[in-house]
N, C-alpha and C. Protein backbone atom coordinates (compact mmCIF):
# COMPACT_ATOMS: atom_id res chain seq x y z
N MET A 1 19.71 -4.27 -0.92
CA MET A 1 19.59 -2.80 -0.20
C MET A 1 19.88 -2.70 1.24
N ASP A 2 20.78 -2.32 2.19
CA ASP A 2 21.26 -2.10 3.69
C ASP A 2 20.17 -0.63 3.65
N LEU A 3 19.86 -0.91 5.18
CA LEU A 3 19.05 0.50 5.22
C LEU A 3 19.43 2.25 4.82
N GLN A 4 21.07 1.74 5.17
CA GLN A 4 21.12 3.35 5.62
C GLN A 4 21.03 3.63 3.50
N LYS A 5 21.61 3.22 2.80
CA LYS A 5 21.56 3.05 1.61
C LYS A 5 20.04 3.50 1.07
N PHE A 6 18.67 3.13 1.99
CA PHE A 6 17.81 2.74 1.72
C PHE A 6 16.96 4.62 1.93
N LYS A 7 17.80 4.76 3.40
CA LYS A 7 17.67 6.32 3.81
C LYS A 7 17.89 7.48 2.50
N ASP A 8 19.63 6.30 2.14
CA ASP A 8 19.89 7.83 1.54
C ASP A 8 19.21 8.46 0.26
N GLU A 9 18.79 7.49 0.31
CA GLU A 9 18.47 7.27 -1.70
C GLU A 9 16.62 7.91 -1.80
N TYR A 10 15.78 7.46 -0.51
CA TYR A 10 15.29 7.93 -0.12
C TYR A 10 13.71 9.18 1.07
N ASP A 11 14.91 9.23 1.30
CA ASP A 11 14.57 10.16 2.90
C ASP A 11 14.37 11.48 2.00
N PHE A 12 13.65 11.68 1.23
CA PHE A 12 13.73 13.37 1.03
C PHE A 12 12.38 14.28 0.48
N GLU A 13 11.71 15.01 0.97
CA GLU A 13 10.50 15.63 0.69
C GLU A 13 9.99 15.32 -0.53
N GLY A 14 8.68 15.05 -0.40
CA GLY A 14 8.00 14.50 -1.28
C GLY A 14 8.18 12.86 -1.14
N SER A 15 8.80 12.45 -0.29
CA SER A 15 8.78 10.79 -1.25
C SER A 15 7.64 9.80 0.34
N ILE A 16 7.14 8.73 -1.01
CA ILE A 16 6.14 7.86 -0.55
C ILE A 16 6.57 6.41 -0.68
N VAL A 17 6.46 5.95 0.53
CA VAL A 17 7.00 4.61 0.52
C VAL A 17 6.02 3.80 0.99
N LEU A 18 5.62 2.67 0.30
CA LEU A 18 4.61 1.51 0.71
C LEU A 18 5.16 1.14 1.76
N LEU A 19 3.98 0.87 2.64
CA LEU A 19 4.40 -0.31 3.95
C LEU A 19 2.94 -1.17 4.11
N GLU A 20 3.59 -2.50 3.18
CA GLU A 20 2.13 -2.76 3.42
C GLU A 20 2.17 -4.49 2.75
N GLY A 21 1.65 -5.23 3.18
CA GLY A 21 1.66 -6.71 2.43
C GLY A 21 0.22 -8.03 2.94
N LYS A 22 0.82 -9.11 3.06
CA LYS A 22 -0.50 -10.17 3.18
C LYS A 22 -1.22 -9.48 4.77
N ARG A 23 -2.87 -9.96 4.64
CA ARG A 23 -3.97 -9.92 5.88
C ARG A 23 -2.84 -11.11 6.69
N ASN A 24 -2.60 -12.65 6.33
CA ASN A 24 -1.84 -13.26 7.39
C ASN A 24 -0.72 -12.77 7.73
N VAL A 25 -0.68 -12.52 9.14
CA VAL A 25 0.82 -12.32 9.62
C VAL A 25 1.25 -13.56 10.16
N ILE A 26 2.62 -14.63 10.17
CA ILE A 26 3.12 -15.17 10.77
C ILE A 26 3.09 -14.43 12.26
N ASP A 27 2.96 -15.50 13.39
CA ASP A 27 2.49 -14.88 14.60
C ASP A 27 4.29 -13.99 15.69
N ILE A 28 5.40 -14.80 14.77
CA ILE A 28 6.69 -13.96 15.18
C ILE A 28 7.29 -13.41 14.75
N ASP A 29 6.70 -12.51 13.28
CA ASP A 29 6.77 -11.82 12.77
C ASP A 29 6.13 -10.35 12.83
N LYS A 30 5.02 -10.22 13.58
CA LYS A 30 4.00 -9.45 14.00
C LYS A 30 4.62 -8.20 14.45
N ALA A 31 5.47 -8.57 15.55
CA ALA A 31 6.77 -7.54 16.23
C ALA A 31 7.38 -6.97 15.80
N LYS A 32 8.20 -7.75 14.43
CA LYS A 32 8.57 -6.93 13.27
C LYS A 32 8.02 -5.80 12.49
N LEU A 33 6.96 -6.04 11.77
CA LEU A 33 6.24 -5.00 11.84
C LEU A 33 6.22 -4.23 11.84
N ILE A 34 5.46 -4.03 12.87
CA ILE A 34 5.50 -2.64 14.19
C ILE A 34 7.00 -2.60 14.48
N ALA A 35 7.86 -2.52 14.75
CA ALA A 35 9.27 -2.32 14.50
C ALA A 35 9.94 -1.83 13.70
N LEU A 36 9.75 -2.43 12.04
CA LEU A 36 10.15 -1.85 11.17
C LEU A 36 9.39 -0.03 10.79
N GLY A 37 8.19 -0.06 11.24
CA GLY A 37 7.77 0.98 10.80
C GLY A 37 7.81 2.07 12.35
N LYS A 38 7.93 2.19 13.39
CA LYS A 38 8.45 2.24 13.77
C LYS A 38 10.43 3.04 13.75
N LEU A 39 10.92 1.97 13.21
CA LEU A 39 12.66 2.47 13.04
C LEU A 39 12.41 3.81 11.56
N LEU A 40 11.85 3.25 10.94
CA LEU A 40 10.83 3.84 9.66
C LEU A 40 11.42 5.53 10.17
N SER A 41 9.58 5.19 11.12
CA SER A 41 9.56 6.88 11.14
C SER A 41 10.25 7.70 11.94
N SER A 42 11.34 6.73 12.52
CA SER A 42 11.74 7.60 13.79
C SER A 42 13.34 7.83 13.52
N THR A 43 14.06 7.53 12.52
CA THR A 43 15.12 7.75 11.60
C THR A 43 14.97 8.47 10.28
N THR A 44 14.19 8.74 9.85
CA THR A 44 13.99 9.48 8.30
C THR A 44 13.32 10.34 9.29
N SER A 45 13.32 11.79 7.49
CA SER A 45 12.92 13.03 8.14
C SER A 45 11.49 13.01 7.30
N HIS A 46 11.62 12.70 5.62
CA HIS A 46 10.34 13.07 4.94
C HIS A 46 9.50 11.91 4.36
N MET A 47 9.95 11.35 4.44
CA MET A 47 9.06 9.88 3.69
C MET A 47 7.59 10.74 4.34
N VAL A 48 6.75 10.02 3.29
CA VAL A 48 5.63 9.63 4.12
C VAL A 48 5.28 8.16 3.61
N PHE A 49 4.11 7.24 5.36
CA PHE A 49 4.61 6.10 4.47
C PHE A 49 2.88 6.01 4.34
N ARG A 50 2.36 4.72 3.41
CA ARG A 50 1.14 4.57 2.59
C ARG A 50 1.09 3.26 2.83
N SER A 51 -0.23 3.13 3.05
CA SER A 51 -1.21 2.03 3.66
C SER A 51 -2.40 1.60 2.60
N GLY A 52 -2.74 0.73 2.28
CA GLY A 52 -4.34 0.69 2.41
C GLY A 52 -5.26 -0.15 3.82
N ASN A 53 -4.22 0.12 4.43
CA ASN A 53 -5.31 0.02 5.75
C ASN A 53 -6.52 -1.52 6.22
N ALA A 54 -6.09 -2.23 5.60
CA ALA A 54 -6.13 -3.51 5.34
C ALA A 54 -5.60 -4.88 7.09
N ALA A 55 -6.18 -4.86 7.57
CA ALA A 55 -5.77 -5.60 8.68
C ALA A 55 -4.54 -6.90 8.47
N GLY A 56 -3.70 -7.85 8.92
CA GLY A 56 -2.10 -7.70 9.20
C GLY A 56 -1.48 -7.19 8.42
N ALA A 57 -0.52 -6.82 7.97
CA ALA A 57 0.84 -6.70 7.74
C ALA A 57 0.37 -5.11 7.75
N ASP A 58 -0.76 -4.68 6.93
CA ASP A 58 -0.95 -2.81 6.38
C ASP A 58 -0.95 -2.47 8.05
N GLN A 59 -1.75 -3.04 9.24
CA GLN A 59 -2.26 -2.40 10.40
C GLN A 59 -0.96 -2.39 11.62
N TYR A 60 -0.18 -3.79 10.87
CA TYR A 60 1.31 -4.04 11.96
C TYR A 60 2.26 -2.61 11.82
N PHE A 61 2.37 -2.44 10.31
CA PHE A 61 3.14 -1.58 10.24
C PHE A 61 3.11 0.07 10.63
N SER A 62 1.36 0.59 10.71
CA SER A 62 1.09 1.55 11.14
C SER A 62 1.18 1.59 12.19
N GLU A 63 0.74 0.76 12.81
CA GLU A 63 1.51 1.06 14.62
C GLU A 63 2.94 1.29 14.51
N GLY A 64 3.19 0.93 14.18
CA GLY A 64 4.81 1.20 13.91
C GLY A 64 5.01 2.72 13.65
N VAL A 65 4.22 3.13 12.58
CA VAL A 65 5.08 4.67 12.40
C VAL A 65 4.22 5.18 13.06
N ALA A 66 2.95 5.36 13.93
CA ALA A 66 1.28 5.56 14.41
C ALA A 66 2.77 5.58 15.68
N LEU A 67 3.29 5.72 16.33
CA LEU A 67 3.85 5.27 17.61
C LEU A 67 4.94 6.72 17.31
N VAL A 68 5.47 7.10 16.43
CA VAL A 68 6.56 7.94 16.35
C VAL A 68 6.06 9.45 16.04
N ASP A 69 5.06 8.98 14.92
CA ASP A 69 4.79 10.31 14.01
C ASP A 69 3.50 9.83 13.04
N LYS A 70 2.49 10.31 13.69
CA LYS A 70 1.48 9.64 13.37
C LYS A 70 1.10 10.20 11.65
N ALA A 71 1.02 12.31 11.30
CA ALA A 71 1.02 13.13 10.31
C ALA A 71 1.73 12.26 9.19
N ARG A 72 2.88 11.13 9.40
CA ARG A 72 3.24 10.69 8.51
C ARG A 72 3.24 9.63 7.82
N LEU A 73 1.20 9.21 8.30
CA LEU A 73 1.02 7.68 7.58
C LEU A 73 -0.51 8.49 6.96
N HIS A 74 -0.38 7.69 5.49
CA HIS A 74 -1.94 8.03 4.97
C HIS A 74 -1.84 6.56 3.91
N VAL A 75 -3.18 6.44 4.37
CA VAL A 75 -4.07 5.46 4.24
C VAL A 75 -4.78 5.45 2.68
N LEU A 76 -4.82 4.95 2.11
CA LEU A 76 -5.84 4.86 0.64
C LEU A 76 -7.23 3.39 0.47
N THR A 77 -7.82 3.99 0.89
CA THR A 77 -9.13 3.06 1.27
C THR A 77 -10.02 2.54 0.17
N PRO A 78 -10.70 1.31 -0.25
CA PRO A 78 -11.60 1.19 -0.85
C PRO A 78 -13.28 1.93 -1.25
N TYR A 79 -13.25 2.88 0.41
CA TYR A 79 -14.42 3.35 0.07
C TYR A 79 -14.37 3.81 1.28
N THR A 80 -15.20 4.80 1.12
CA THR A 80 -15.30 5.99 2.34
C THR A 80 -15.56 5.26 3.95
N GLY A 81 -14.77 5.39 4.85
CA GLY A 81 -14.96 4.66 5.97
C GLY A 81 -14.88 2.80 6.29
N HIS A 82 -13.66 2.77 5.17
CA HIS A 82 -13.63 1.15 5.68
C HIS A 82 -12.01 0.93 6.81
N ARG A 83 -12.60 0.25 7.35
CA ARG A 83 -12.15 -0.23 8.82
C ARG A 83 -11.89 1.16 9.93
N LYS A 84 -12.31 1.53 9.63
CA LYS A 84 -12.56 2.96 10.54
C LYS A 84 -12.49 3.33 11.44
N LYS A 85 -11.97 2.30 12.89
CA LYS A 85 -12.26 1.96 14.26
C LYS A 85 -10.57 1.89 14.62
N THR A 86 -9.87 1.63 13.30
CA THR A 86 -8.61 0.99 13.52
C THR A 86 -7.41 1.50 12.69
N ASN A 87 -8.11 2.80 11.66
CA ASN A 87 -7.75 3.40 10.19
C ASN A 87 -6.39 4.40 11.91
N LEU A 88 -5.07 4.64 11.86
CA LEU A 88 -4.71 5.25 12.49
C LEU A 88 -3.86 6.28 11.40
N ALA A 89 -4.24 6.71 10.57
CA ALA A 89 -3.93 7.09 9.49
C ALA A 89 -4.09 8.78 9.98
N TYR A 90 -2.84 9.73 9.26
CA TYR A 90 -3.56 11.13 9.66
C TYR A 90 -4.38 11.70 8.53
N GLU A 91 -4.22 10.77 7.08
CA GLU A 91 -4.43 11.71 5.51
C GLU A 91 -5.55 10.10 4.94
N THR A 92 -5.93 10.39 4.89
CA THR A 92 -7.09 8.82 4.35
C THR A 92 -8.13 9.34 3.03
N PHE A 93 -7.33 8.90 1.82
CA PHE A 93 -8.07 9.00 0.83
C PHE A 93 -8.34 7.84 0.19
N ALA A 94 -9.82 8.51 -0.02
CA ALA A 94 -10.99 6.71 0.20
C ALA A 94 -11.45 6.93 -1.36
N LEU A 95 -11.03 5.41 -2.05
CA LEU A 95 -11.69 5.13 -3.09
C LEU A 95 -12.61 6.17 -4.27
N ASP A 96 -13.72 5.85 -2.64
CA ASP A 96 -14.86 6.29 -3.71
C ASP A 96 -15.24 8.32 -3.31
N GLN A 97 -13.93 8.71 -3.30
CA GLN A 97 -14.12 9.92 -3.56
C GLN A 97 -13.19 10.46 -4.56
N ILE A 98 -12.95 9.46 -5.22
CA ILE A 98 -11.85 10.11 -6.71
C ILE A 98 -13.08 9.74 -7.80
N ASN A 99 -12.70 10.39 -8.90
CA ASN A 99 -13.34 10.11 -10.72
C ASN A 99 -13.00 9.45 -10.39
N MET A 100 -13.26 7.95 -10.80
CA MET A 100 -12.16 6.95 -11.21
C MET A 100 -11.88 7.05 -12.87
N ALA A 101 -13.42 7.66 -13.12
CA ALA A 101 -13.50 7.50 -15.05
C ALA A 101 -12.86 8.11 -15.21
N ASN A 102 -11.85 9.59 -14.94
CA ASN A 102 -11.06 10.52 -15.08
C ASN A 102 -9.56 9.97 -15.22
N GLU A 103 -9.13 8.61 -14.30
CA GLU A 103 -8.30 8.11 -14.44
C GLU A 103 -8.24 7.07 -14.95
N GLU A 104 -7.56 7.13 -16.42
CA GLU A 104 -7.27 5.99 -17.28
C GLU A 104 -6.75 4.94 -17.16
N ASP A 105 -5.67 5.49 -16.55
CA ASP A 105 -4.05 4.80 -16.53
C ASP A 105 -4.52 4.33 -15.37
N VAL A 106 -4.53 4.41 -14.14
CA VAL A 106 -5.28 3.46 -13.09
C VAL A 106 -6.03 2.12 -13.16
N ILE A 107 -7.09 2.62 -14.54
CA ILE A 107 -8.07 1.04 -14.84
C ILE A 107 -7.74 0.38 -15.69
N TYR A 108 -6.27 1.07 -16.57
CA TYR A 108 -6.04 -0.05 -17.88
C TYR A 108 -5.04 -0.64 -16.77
N GLN A 109 -3.63 -0.42 -15.50
CA GLN A 109 -3.28 -0.81 -14.93
C GLN A 109 -3.77 -1.89 -14.22
N SER A 110 -5.02 -1.36 -13.25
CA SER A 110 -6.17 -2.14 -12.31
C SER A 110 -5.87 -3.57 -13.31
N LYS A 111 -7.06 -3.70 -14.75
CA LYS A 111 -6.61 -4.60 -14.94
C LYS A 111 -5.86 -5.90 -15.46
N ASN A 112 -4.97 -5.49 -15.12
CA ASN A 112 -3.49 -6.68 -15.19
C ASN A 112 -4.23 -7.71 -13.92
N ASN A 113 -5.03 -7.29 -13.38
CA ASN A 113 -5.31 -8.36 -12.13
C ASN A 113 -6.28 -9.28 -13.01
N GLU A 114 -6.66 -10.47 -13.10
CA GLU A 114 -6.68 -11.19 -14.36
C GLU A 114 -8.51 -11.92 -13.34
N LYS A 115 -8.35 -11.48 -11.97
CA LYS A 115 -9.40 -12.66 -11.43
C LYS A 115 -10.45 -11.31 -11.42
N THR A 116 -10.24 -9.36 -11.11
CA THR A 116 -11.46 -9.01 -11.38
C THR A 116 -11.25 -8.14 -12.81
N LYS A 117 -10.18 -8.29 -13.53
CA LYS A 117 -10.26 -7.46 -14.92
C LYS A 117 -12.06 -7.25 -15.49
N GLY A 118 -13.24 -8.34 -15.82
CA GLY A 118 -14.11 -8.60 -15.96
C GLY A 118 -15.02 -6.87 -15.03
N LEU A 119 -14.80 -7.29 -13.69
CA LEU A 119 -15.68 -6.36 -12.91
C LEU A 119 -15.21 -4.36 -12.36
N ILE A 120 -13.93 -4.82 -13.52
CA ILE A 120 -13.69 -3.05 -13.07
C ILE A 120 -14.84 -1.97 -13.58
N ASP A 121 -14.69 -2.94 -15.26
CA ASP A 121 -15.23 -1.24 -15.74
C ASP A 121 -16.93 -1.52 -15.29
N GLN A 122 -17.65 -2.57 -14.88
CA GLN A 122 -19.07 -2.78 -14.26
C GLN A 122 -18.75 -1.89 -12.65
N TYR A 123 -17.69 -1.60 -11.73
CA TYR A 123 -17.36 -0.82 -10.93
C TYR A 123 -17.41 1.08 -11.45
N ILE A 124 -16.65 0.81 -12.25
CA ILE A 124 -16.30 2.35 -13.12
C ILE A 124 -17.52 2.55 -13.14
N ALA A 125 -18.66 1.77 -13.65
CA ALA A 125 -20.00 2.73 -13.99
C ALA A 125 -20.48 2.93 -13.14
N GLY A 126 -20.47 1.98 -11.79
CA GLY A 126 -20.99 3.11 -10.66
C GLY A 126 -21.97 1.55 -10.54
N ASP A 127 -21.88 0.20 -10.75
CA ASP A 127 -22.64 -0.99 -10.59
C ASP A 127 -21.63 -1.33 -8.91
N VAL A 128 -21.83 -1.46 -7.92
CA VAL A 128 -20.96 -1.45 -6.76
C VAL A 128 -22.19 -2.69 -6.34
N ASN A 129 -21.68 -3.79 -6.17
CA ASN A 129 -22.39 -4.90 -5.39
C ASN A 129 -21.12 -5.73 -5.20
N LYS A 130 -22.16 -6.94 -4.30
CA LYS A 130 -20.55 -7.38 -3.26
C LYS A 130 -19.57 -7.99 -4.45
N ASN A 131 -20.08 -8.13 -5.12
CA ASN A 131 -19.06 -8.97 -6.40
C ASN A 131 -17.98 -7.76 -6.88
N THR A 132 -18.49 -6.42 -7.44
CA THR A 132 -17.82 -5.25 -8.05
C THR A 132 -16.96 -5.21 -7.01
N ILE A 133 -17.70 -5.19 -5.98
CA ILE A 133 -16.38 -4.10 -4.55
C ILE A 133 -14.92 -4.98 -4.62
N LYS A 134 -14.95 -5.85 -5.12
CA LYS A 134 -13.19 -7.41 -5.40
C LYS A 134 -12.71 -5.91 -6.36
N ALA A 135 -13.59 -5.60 -7.14
CA ALA A 135 -12.23 -4.59 -8.30
C ALA A 135 -12.28 -3.41 -7.59
N ALA A 136 -12.80 -2.66 -6.56
CA ALA A 136 -12.70 -1.14 -5.53
C ALA A 136 -10.79 -1.88 -5.00
N TYR A 137 -10.97 -3.16 -4.10
CA TYR A 137 -10.13 -3.06 -3.96
C TYR A 137 -8.56 -3.30 -4.43
N ILE A 138 -9.03 -3.65 -6.05
CA ILE A 138 -7.68 -3.64 -7.05
C ILE A 138 -7.31 -2.33 -7.08
N ILE A 139 -8.70 -1.80 -7.68
CA ILE A 139 -8.32 -0.09 -7.83
C ILE A 139 -7.10 0.31 -6.97
N ARG A 140 -8.34 0.22 -6.02
CA ARG A 140 -7.55 0.89 -4.67
C ARG A 140 -5.85 0.84 -4.64
N ASP A 141 -4.61 -1.08 -4.75
CA ASP A 141 -4.10 -1.28 -4.67
C ASP A 141 -2.77 -0.64 -6.09
N THR A 142 -3.65 -0.42 -7.41
CA THR A 142 -2.84 0.53 -8.64
C THR A 142 -2.85 1.75 -7.73
N VAL A 143 -4.04 2.34 -7.35
CA VAL A 143 -3.77 3.86 -7.11
C VAL A 143 -2.58 4.24 -5.92
N LYS A 144 -2.77 3.13 -5.01
CA LYS A 144 -1.25 3.34 -4.30
C LYS A 144 0.38 3.30 -4.87
N VAL A 145 0.08 2.39 -5.92
CA VAL A 145 1.37 3.01 -6.44
C VAL A 145 1.39 4.11 -7.02
N ILE A 146 0.32 4.02 -8.61
CA ILE A 146 1.05 5.09 -9.49
C ILE A 146 0.46 6.69 -8.90
N GLY A 147 -0.86 6.27 -8.28
CA GLY A 147 -1.44 7.43 -7.78
C GLY A 147 -2.76 8.28 -8.36
N THR A 148 -3.15 9.04 -8.54
CA THR A 148 -3.69 9.85 -9.49
C THR A 148 -3.57 11.18 -9.79
N SER A 149 -4.93 12.05 -10.58
CA SER A 149 -3.90 13.30 -10.33
C SER A 149 -4.10 14.03 -9.84
N THR A 150 -4.94 13.88 -8.35
CA THR A 150 -4.03 14.60 -7.52
C THR A 150 -4.08 13.71 -6.02
N ILE A 151 -3.35 12.51 -6.60
CA ILE A 151 -2.11 11.23 -5.51
C ILE A 151 -1.28 11.34 -5.90
N LYS A 152 -0.11 12.00 -4.89
CA LYS A 152 1.12 11.28 -5.50
C LYS A 152 1.19 10.15 -6.04
N PRO A 153 2.58 9.79 -6.98
CA PRO A 153 2.56 8.05 -6.83
C PRO A 153 4.16 8.01 -5.82
N ALA A 154 4.12 6.38 -5.49
CA ALA A 154 4.89 5.89 -4.54
C ALA A 154 5.96 5.91 -5.19
N ASN A 155 7.17 6.46 -4.62
CA ASN A 155 8.52 5.89 -4.69
C ASN A 155 9.58 4.83 -4.57
N PHE A 156 8.35 3.72 -2.93
CA PHE A 156 9.15 2.35 -3.22
C PHE A 156 8.60 1.77 -2.30
N GLY A 157 8.53 0.74 -2.92
CA GLY A 157 7.59 -0.03 -1.96
C GLY A 157 8.20 -1.37 -0.84
N ILE A 158 7.80 -0.91 0.13
CA ILE A 158 8.01 -2.39 1.21
C ILE A 158 7.22 -2.87 1.44
N PHE A 159 7.47 -4.78 1.44
CA PHE A 159 6.84 -5.80 1.43
C PHE A 159 5.95 -6.77 2.81
N TYR A 160 5.46 -7.21 3.45
CA TYR A 160 5.59 -8.17 3.77
C TYR A 160 4.68 -9.06 3.03
N ASP A 161 5.25 -10.11 2.53
CA ASP A 161 4.85 -11.05 1.48
C ASP A 161 4.35 -12.87 2.29
N ASP A 162 3.66 -13.31 1.24
CA ASP A 162 3.74 -15.16 2.04
C ASP A 162 4.63 -15.93 1.45
N LEU A 163 5.98 -16.30 1.54
CA LEU A 163 6.89 -16.56 1.01
C LEU A 163 7.16 -17.91 0.67
N LYS A 164 5.72 -18.61 1.07
CA LYS A 164 5.30 -19.78 0.00
C LYS A 164 4.42 -19.78 -1.06
N ALA A 165 3.87 -18.67 -1.30
CA ALA A 165 3.11 -18.40 -2.25
C ALA A 165 3.26 -17.22 -2.74
N PRO A 166 4.51 -16.49 -3.24
CA PRO A 166 4.90 -15.33 -2.94
C PRO A 166 4.56 -14.06 -4.61
N GLN A 167 3.91 -13.20 -4.16
CA GLN A 167 2.91 -12.14 -5.37
C GLN A 167 1.94 -12.49 -5.41
N THR A 168 0.98 -13.15 -4.58
CA THR A 168 -0.12 -13.70 -5.02
C THR A 168 -1.46 -12.31 -4.32
N GLY A 169 -2.40 -12.59 -4.58
CA GLY A 169 -3.38 -11.21 -4.12
C GLY A 169 -3.28 -9.92 -4.32
N GLY A 170 -4.09 -9.76 -3.30
CA GLY A 170 -4.23 -8.24 -3.79
C GLY A 170 -2.47 -7.75 -3.64
N THR A 171 -1.64 -8.56 -2.49
CA THR A 171 -0.28 -7.17 -2.50
C THR A 171 0.78 -7.70 -3.67
N GLY A 172 -0.14 -9.29 -4.22
CA GLY A 172 0.76 -9.93 -5.41
C GLY A 172 1.10 -8.76 -6.35
N HIS A 173 -0.57 -7.84 -6.27
CA HIS A 173 -0.97 -7.07 -7.49
C HIS A 173 -0.11 -5.94 -7.49
N THR A 174 -0.42 -5.68 -6.09
CA THR A 174 0.50 -4.50 -6.28
C THR A 174 1.65 -4.18 -6.38
N MET A 175 2.48 -5.39 -6.47
CA MET A 175 3.96 -5.16 -6.37
C MET A 175 4.12 -6.22 -7.70
N ASN A 176 3.40 -6.61 -8.72
CA ASN A 176 3.44 -6.67 -10.03
C ASN A 176 3.45 -4.72 -10.33
N ILE A 177 2.25 -4.32 -10.10
CA ILE A 177 2.06 -2.92 -10.60
C ILE A 177 3.17 -1.71 -10.50
N CYS A 178 4.06 -2.36 -9.14
CA CYS A 178 5.62 -1.59 -8.54
C CYS A 178 6.75 -1.69 -9.70
N LYS A 179 6.94 -3.37 -10.09
CA LYS A 179 7.35 -3.74 -11.65
C LYS A 179 7.20 -3.06 -12.37
N LEU A 180 6.07 -3.19 -13.02
CA LEU A 180 5.22 -2.59 -14.27
C LEU A 180 5.69 -1.01 -14.00
N ASN A 181 5.71 -0.34 -13.60
CA ASN A 181 6.08 0.50 -13.11
C ASN A 181 7.95 1.67 -12.56
N HIS A 182 8.08 0.52 -12.71
CA HIS A 182 10.23 0.75 -12.48
C HIS A 182 10.52 1.20 -11.00
N ILE A 183 8.91 0.85 -9.76
CA ILE A 183 9.36 1.52 -8.66
C ILE A 183 9.57 0.48 -7.61
N PRO A 184 11.05 0.44 -7.26
CA PRO A 184 11.57 -0.55 -6.89
C PRO A 184 10.85 -0.75 -5.89
N LEU A 185 11.16 -2.60 -5.61
CA LEU A 185 10.55 -2.95 -3.57
C LEU A 185 11.75 -4.07 -3.68
N ILE A 186 11.03 -4.20 -1.78
CA ILE A 186 11.46 -5.34 -1.38
C ILE A 186 10.87 -5.98 -0.54
N ASP A 187 10.94 -7.11 0.11
CA ASP A 187 9.69 -8.17 1.11
C ASP A 187 10.93 -8.11 2.40
N GLN A 188 10.43 -8.96 3.61
CA GLN A 188 11.18 -9.20 4.44
C GLN A 188 12.44 -9.40 4.26
N ARG A 189 12.62 -10.81 3.04
CA ARG A 189 14.22 -10.93 3.01
C ARG A 189 15.10 -10.26 3.04
N THR A 190 14.78 -9.10 2.77
CA THR A 190 15.87 -7.69 2.39
C THR A 190 15.34 -7.02 3.78
N TRP A 191 14.22 -6.73 4.24
CA TRP A 191 14.32 -5.97 5.72
C TRP A 191 14.50 -6.15 7.09
N PHE A 192 13.67 -7.76 6.74
CA PHE A 192 14.46 -8.26 7.86
C PHE A 192 15.89 -8.02 8.90
N ASN A 193 16.51 -8.12 7.77
CA ASN A 193 18.04 -7.62 8.38
C ASN A 193 18.19 -6.46 8.60
N TRP A 194 17.32 -5.66 8.52
CA TRP A 194 16.99 -3.63 9.38
C TRP A 194 17.02 -4.12 10.40
N LEU A 195 16.43 -4.84 10.88
CA LEU A 195 15.96 -4.42 12.14
C LEU A 195 17.43 -4.63 13.11
């Protein structure tokens, strides 16, 4: 997909575009992530950009968006105050402010992550500790894609992935949830060509 086709298809009122990826970003790629956030926010009118507020790719994409239009940057965090000092978003949704017990589809799809599957029910039941908090990150990643009863689902996902170990960790989970829900996505092999 080229940039113009992407904008033609996804720059509409209510469009949610994920901008996120790995925490470890290759030094020469950092400026490209910022440039993409800036490019998309300066050449579109309606897209809202969603992030998980993590260090690395999420932060660099967000910096680019915030340079142009901070009001179009929203983040979902695993808990209130997560990386508060670096949060550039206009609007933040914290997982601990959502009644997750009422979000059956989110819980069901979050359990697709084998590493945290057993922790999710514990976390939802209110057992929050250094182990179960891992479940909050995976649930947050699921919500970023499919939304909740009060948060709109994403329409498209743009990722910065580790191409040597693709679709692993939280980024891989988010990409897999996109695929399960037929939400188109691309990684830097496509969007590097947009710059």
